[in-house]
Amino acid sequence: MYRIEIDRTLCSGFGVCAELAPDVIELGKDGLASVRTGSTEDPVVLRAAAACPMAAITVIEERAA
């Protein structure tokens, strides 16, 4: 499971993250990325985070207890 956090103070609204992971990340009316859902099992969020030129996205892998 991956937990996604976005630092909106770093986001510049390029939108690549939302294109790569539209089920998890969206661009708001303000043009900045926000999380649709706080966690997912889809590893595409790793690509979305890596594609962010501002390094605003953090993906934390959570292991089942």
N, C-alpha and C. Protein backbone atom coordinates (compact mmCIF):
# COMPACT_ATOMS: atom_id res chain seq x y z
N MET A 1 0.85 -1.17 0.00
CA MET A 1 0.00 0.00 0.00
C MET A 1 0.90 1.24 0.00
N TYR A 2 0.53 2.23 -0.76
CA TYR A 2 1.28 3.47 -0.83
C TYR A 2 0.42 4.62 -0.29
N ARG A 3 1.00 5.41 0.60
CA ARG A 3 0.34 6.61 1.11
C ARG A 3 0.96 7.80 0.38
N ILE A 4 0.11 8.70 -0.12
CA ILE A 4 0.57 9.82 -0.94
C ILE A 4 0.36 11.13 -0.17
N GLU A 5 1.39 11.95 -0.18
CA GLU A 5 1.32 13.28 0.42
C GLU A 5 1.83 14.28 -0.61
N ILE A 6 1.14 15.40 -0.72
CA ILE A 6 1.56 16.46 -1.65
C ILE A 6 1.79 17.74 -0.87
N ASP A 7 2.96 18.31 -1.02
CA ASP A 7 3.28 19.60 -0.41
C ASP A 7 2.85 20.67 -1.40
N ARG A 8 1.66 21.20 -1.18
CA ARG A 8 1.10 22.18 -2.13
C ARG A 8 1.89 23.48 -2.16
N THR A 9 2.73 23.73 -1.16
CA THR A 9 3.56 24.93 -1.19
C THR A 9 4.67 24.80 -2.22
N LEU A 10 5.00 23.56 -2.59
CA LEU A 10 6.03 23.31 -3.60
C LEU A 10 5.44 23.13 -5.00
N CYS A 11 4.17 22.75 -5.07
CA CYS A 11 3.53 22.43 -6.35
C CYS A 11 3.43 23.67 -7.23
N SER A 12 3.77 23.49 -8.51
CA SER A 12 3.64 24.57 -9.50
C SER A 12 2.59 24.26 -10.55
N GLY A 13 1.88 23.15 -10.39
CA GLY A 13 0.77 22.83 -11.27
C GLY A 13 1.14 22.34 -12.65
N PHE A 14 2.27 21.70 -12.79
CA PHE A 14 2.65 21.17 -14.11
C PHE A 14 1.63 20.13 -14.59
N GLY A 15 1.10 19.31 -13.70
CA GLY A 15 0.03 18.39 -14.02
C GLY A 15 0.44 17.01 -14.50
N VAL A 16 1.73 16.76 -14.63
CA VAL A 16 2.17 15.44 -15.08
C VAL A 16 1.71 14.36 -14.11
N CYS A 17 1.74 14.65 -12.83
CA CYS A 17 1.32 13.68 -11.82
C CYS A 17 -0.14 13.27 -12.01
N ALA A 18 -1.00 14.24 -12.28
CA ALA A 18 -2.42 13.94 -12.48
C ALA A 18 -2.65 13.17 -13.77
N GLU A 19 -1.82 13.40 -14.77
CA GLU A 19 -1.94 12.65 -16.02
C GLU A 19 -1.51 11.19 -15.81
N LEU A 20 -0.48 10.98 -15.01
CA LEU A 20 0.03 9.62 -14.78
C LEU A 20 -0.83 8.83 -13.79
N ALA A 21 -1.39 9.49 -12.80
CA ALA A 21 -2.17 8.80 -11.76
C ALA A 21 -3.49 9.53 -11.50
N PRO A 22 -4.37 9.59 -12.51
CA PRO A 22 -5.61 10.36 -12.37
C PRO A 22 -6.59 9.83 -11.32
N ASP A 23 -6.47 8.57 -10.94
CA ASP A 23 -7.35 8.03 -9.91
C ASP A 23 -6.91 8.44 -8.51
N VAL A 24 -5.69 8.94 -8.40
CA VAL A 24 -5.12 9.26 -7.09
C VAL A 24 -4.86 10.75 -6.92
N ILE A 25 -4.45 11.42 -8.01
CA ILE A 25 -4.06 12.83 -7.95
C ILE A 25 -4.87 13.63 -8.96
N GLU A 26 -5.29 14.82 -8.55
CA GLU A 26 -6.01 15.71 -9.45
C GLU A 26 -5.49 17.13 -9.30
N LEU A 27 -5.71 17.94 -10.32
CA LEU A 27 -5.41 19.36 -10.22
C LEU A 27 -6.68 20.07 -9.80
N GLY A 28 -6.58 20.88 -8.76
CA GLY A 28 -7.74 21.61 -8.26
C GLY A 28 -8.02 22.85 -9.10
N LYS A 29 -9.07 23.55 -8.74
CA LYS A 29 -9.44 24.79 -9.43
C LYS A 29 -8.34 25.83 -9.36
N ASP A 30 -7.50 25.72 -8.33
CA ASP A 30 -6.38 26.64 -8.17
C ASP A 30 -5.18 26.24 -9.02
N GLY A 31 -5.30 25.10 -9.73
CA GLY A 31 -4.22 24.64 -10.60
C GLY A 31 -3.16 23.82 -9.91
N LEU A 32 -3.33 23.56 -8.62
CA LEU A 32 -2.35 22.81 -7.86
C LEU A 32 -2.82 21.38 -7.63
N ALA A 33 -1.88 20.48 -7.50
CA ALA A 33 -2.19 19.07 -7.29
C ALA A 33 -2.74 18.84 -5.89
N SER A 34 -3.68 17.91 -5.83
CA SER A 34 -4.20 17.46 -4.54
C SER A 34 -4.49 15.97 -4.65
N VAL A 35 -4.56 15.34 -3.50
CA VAL A 35 -4.77 13.90 -3.44
C VAL A 35 -6.26 13.61 -3.50
N ARG A 36 -6.65 12.73 -4.43
CA ARG A 36 -8.04 12.26 -4.49
C ARG A 36 -8.29 11.23 -3.39
N THR A 37 -7.33 10.36 -3.22
CA THR A 37 -7.40 9.33 -2.19
C THR A 37 -6.03 9.24 -1.53
N GLY A 38 -6.00 9.09 -0.23
CA GLY A 38 -4.74 9.14 0.50
C GLY A 38 -3.85 7.93 0.36
N SER A 39 -4.42 6.82 -0.15
CA SER A 39 -3.59 5.63 -0.30
C SER A 39 -4.08 4.80 -1.48
N THR A 40 -3.17 4.01 -2.01
CA THR A 40 -3.48 3.16 -3.16
C THR A 40 -2.50 2.00 -3.20
N GLU A 41 -2.88 0.97 -3.91
CA GLU A 41 -1.97 -0.15 -4.15
C GLU A 41 -1.31 -0.04 -5.52
N ASP A 42 -1.69 0.97 -6.29
CA ASP A 42 -1.20 1.14 -7.66
C ASP A 42 0.20 1.77 -7.66
N PRO A 43 1.21 1.05 -8.12
CA PRO A 43 2.57 1.58 -8.12
C PRO A 43 2.79 2.74 -9.10
N VAL A 44 1.78 3.09 -9.89
CA VAL A 44 1.93 4.22 -10.81
C VAL A 44 2.21 5.52 -10.03
N VAL A 45 1.83 5.56 -8.76
CA VAL A 45 2.09 6.76 -7.97
C VAL A 45 3.59 7.01 -7.80
N LEU A 46 4.38 5.96 -7.88
CA LEU A 46 5.84 6.13 -7.81
C LEU A 46 6.34 6.89 -9.03
N ARG A 47 5.80 6.56 -10.21
CA ARG A 47 6.16 7.29 -11.44
C ARG A 47 5.67 8.72 -11.38
N ALA A 48 4.46 8.92 -10.86
CA ALA A 48 3.90 10.26 -10.75
C ALA A 48 4.77 11.14 -9.85
N ALA A 49 5.20 10.59 -8.72
CA ALA A 49 6.05 11.34 -7.80
C ALA A 49 7.40 11.65 -8.43
N ALA A 50 7.96 10.68 -9.13
CA ALA A 50 9.26 10.87 -9.77
C ALA A 50 9.18 11.90 -10.89
N ALA A 51 8.02 12.04 -11.51
CA ALA A 51 7.85 12.97 -12.62
C ALA A 51 7.64 14.41 -12.17
N CYS A 52 7.40 14.61 -10.89
CA CYS A 52 7.15 15.97 -10.39
C CYS A 52 8.45 16.78 -10.39
N PRO A 53 8.52 17.84 -11.20
CA PRO A 53 9.75 18.62 -11.27
C PRO A 53 10.04 19.42 -10.00
N MET A 54 9.03 19.59 -9.15
CA MET A 54 9.21 20.35 -7.92
C MET A 54 9.41 19.46 -6.69
N ALA A 55 9.39 18.14 -6.89
CA ALA A 55 9.53 17.17 -5.79
C ALA A 55 8.50 17.43 -4.69
N ALA A 56 7.28 17.74 -5.10
CA ALA A 56 6.22 18.06 -4.16
C ALA A 56 5.46 16.83 -3.66
N ILE A 57 5.70 15.67 -4.29
CA ILE A 57 4.94 14.47 -3.96
C ILE A 57 5.82 13.49 -3.21
N THR A 58 5.31 13.03 -2.08
CA THR A 58 5.99 12.01 -1.30
C THR A 58 5.12 10.76 -1.29
N VAL A 59 5.72 9.62 -1.58
CA VAL A 59 5.01 8.35 -1.53
C VAL A 59 5.67 7.51 -0.45
N ILE A 60 4.85 7.08 0.48
CA ILE A 60 5.34 6.28 1.60
C ILE A 60 4.76 4.89 1.48
N GLU A 61 5.63 3.89 1.41
CA GLU A 61 5.16 2.52 1.33
C GLU A 61 4.82 2.03 2.73
N GLU A 62 3.57 1.60 2.88
CA GLU A 62 3.11 1.09 4.16
C GLU A 62 2.98 -0.41 4.07
N ARG A 63 3.56 -1.07 5.00
CA ARG A 63 3.52 -2.54 5.02
C ARG A 63 2.42 -3.00 5.96
N ALA A 64 1.77 -4.08 5.59
CA ALA A 64 0.73 -4.64 6.45
C ALA A 64 1.34 -5.16 7.75
N ALA A 65 0.64 -4.93 8.82
CA ALA A 65 1.15 -5.36 10.13
C ALA A 65 0.90 -6.82 10.38
